[in-house]
């Protein structure tokens, strides 16, 4: 049926529900069926702030069938913050004043209120229990003095008015409380300028208003209202990934809280499948209808299914996402991690190998290689294969410094450390013709620190230090060659003079530093770690080579100056 499909797809549309109900009334004319349909509409959309038209329609229809049900509807409505809350209370007053109290109240409430009025007016006038004539019993709700036609004797008009006043007074308490709730939400509602869907992006103020409104309702509202508000927000913000994630997380957290509360009270709550289906429905709508190319909501959905033990569903979600967004590293790594977590080692290795072969970018390829080697070394404990994976990658990409760093990282994690193996890697990097001088200097600096921490030969340390100084000289020579043509092209005598002056200053600085290192002044105080406080030479441009290994301490002391940029900062590829 078309209407059924419509209200299932758009449950918050009061207009759609009303069209459906009018069609049902016209075609079927079934009172109970109509009432059930109204109740479905109220359950789906009745807690919406702008659902007043639906409530008015339901109340007006019930006025033709059952006045007591009308009162019950108003009682429910007074507990729901809506835009026309005051209008509903005015209509309720008319409803009370235009009908006899016993027509609009159930029997128990009518008797209770009437007894309260009588006791307040004249306690001695309370009717005895045998007030009815002998052999007769008053019908339920009919008190002595009531007219048989349902009216009242002239002396009872005042009593009826007092009953009406009590009815209104009791409902006024709920109305005032509801008015406070409306005032708390009014600013948020006024801030909603576009409640409908549009492909045009929402303004930041609109997004901020929706987020703050949702946070407020989660903190202060009941679950049904929170869900309705989320559904409202999803209409306007359907293209914003963070709103779908917020909705799904709220549902999952809410149901987990219910489950935990049930376990604490040792009660059995049949929530699991129904609640999980609600969370799954949110993810499905987001990923298949509105955001088929947004990765984060798909990854969250796959993680949700994996938490429920549905690994096949998680695998399908990630596979479909990879077809839509091929080459995305975060999706590939999530697929690999899924297979690793379920213990499928063979599939994990196959995926690593496939992604390494398919990678067109060398940096991305190196990322997969390093992850694969780390998996082999740390998870499977296969050091030989891990080392081979990295060495094979270096043959294809000899300029990638991160591969050398990963090899060294493996060496650092060994116990005990294999000094020869680590130095072999350092030498391979420093002697490589493919690495730049800058990279070689950084690797040489790491080698010095490694030998300082783990080396057993001071002679070896001094030799490596001398090699380090040669690299610095090579870098300076290259910089001079690069700057010489520029100075000649400018034809500026001032530049030549400046260059000569700088060179003299460099030579003077070098000689001074060497003298300081060779013969430290006797009055110089030693640091607690035994290092002499020396001027820290710069690392690249203008770096001065030291004439003695002891000058290395000046560099080693201020290790923060060597800005290596991290030992493998691959976070960028997760967002590629």
Foldseek 3Di string as FASTA:
>chain_A
DVLVVVCVVVVQDLVSLVVVLVVCCVPPVDVVVSVVSLVSSCLRHVLPQANVVSLVVNLVVCVVPALQVSVVSLLVSLQHHHDVLVVSLVVVLVSLVVDFVPRHHPLVLLVVLLLVLCCVVPVVPDDDPPNDPPPDDDDRPDDPQADPVRHGDPVCPVSRVSSSVVVSVVSVVSNVVSVVVNVVCVVLVVQQPDQAADPDDDDPSNVVSLVVNLVVCLVPHDPSSSLNSLSSVCRHPVQPPVSLVVNLVVLVVVVVVVVVVCVVVVHDDPPPPVSLVVSLVSLCCNCPPRCVQDPPSLQVNLVSCVVVVNNVVSLVSLVSNCVVPPPQVLSLVSNLVSCVVVPNVVVNLVSLVVNLVPDPDLVVNVVSLLVNLCCCCPVVVNNVVSLVSLVVSCVVVVADLLSLLSQLVSQVPDVPRDVVSNVVSLCCNLPDPNYDLLSNLLSLLVVLVVCVVDNDDPVVSFVSLVVSLVSQVVLAVVVCVVCVVVCVVVVDPVVVVVVVVVVVVLVVVQVVQQVCQVDPDPVQDADPVRQGADDAAQRHVSGHRHPGPSSVSSCVVPVVRPPPVDSDPPPVSNVD
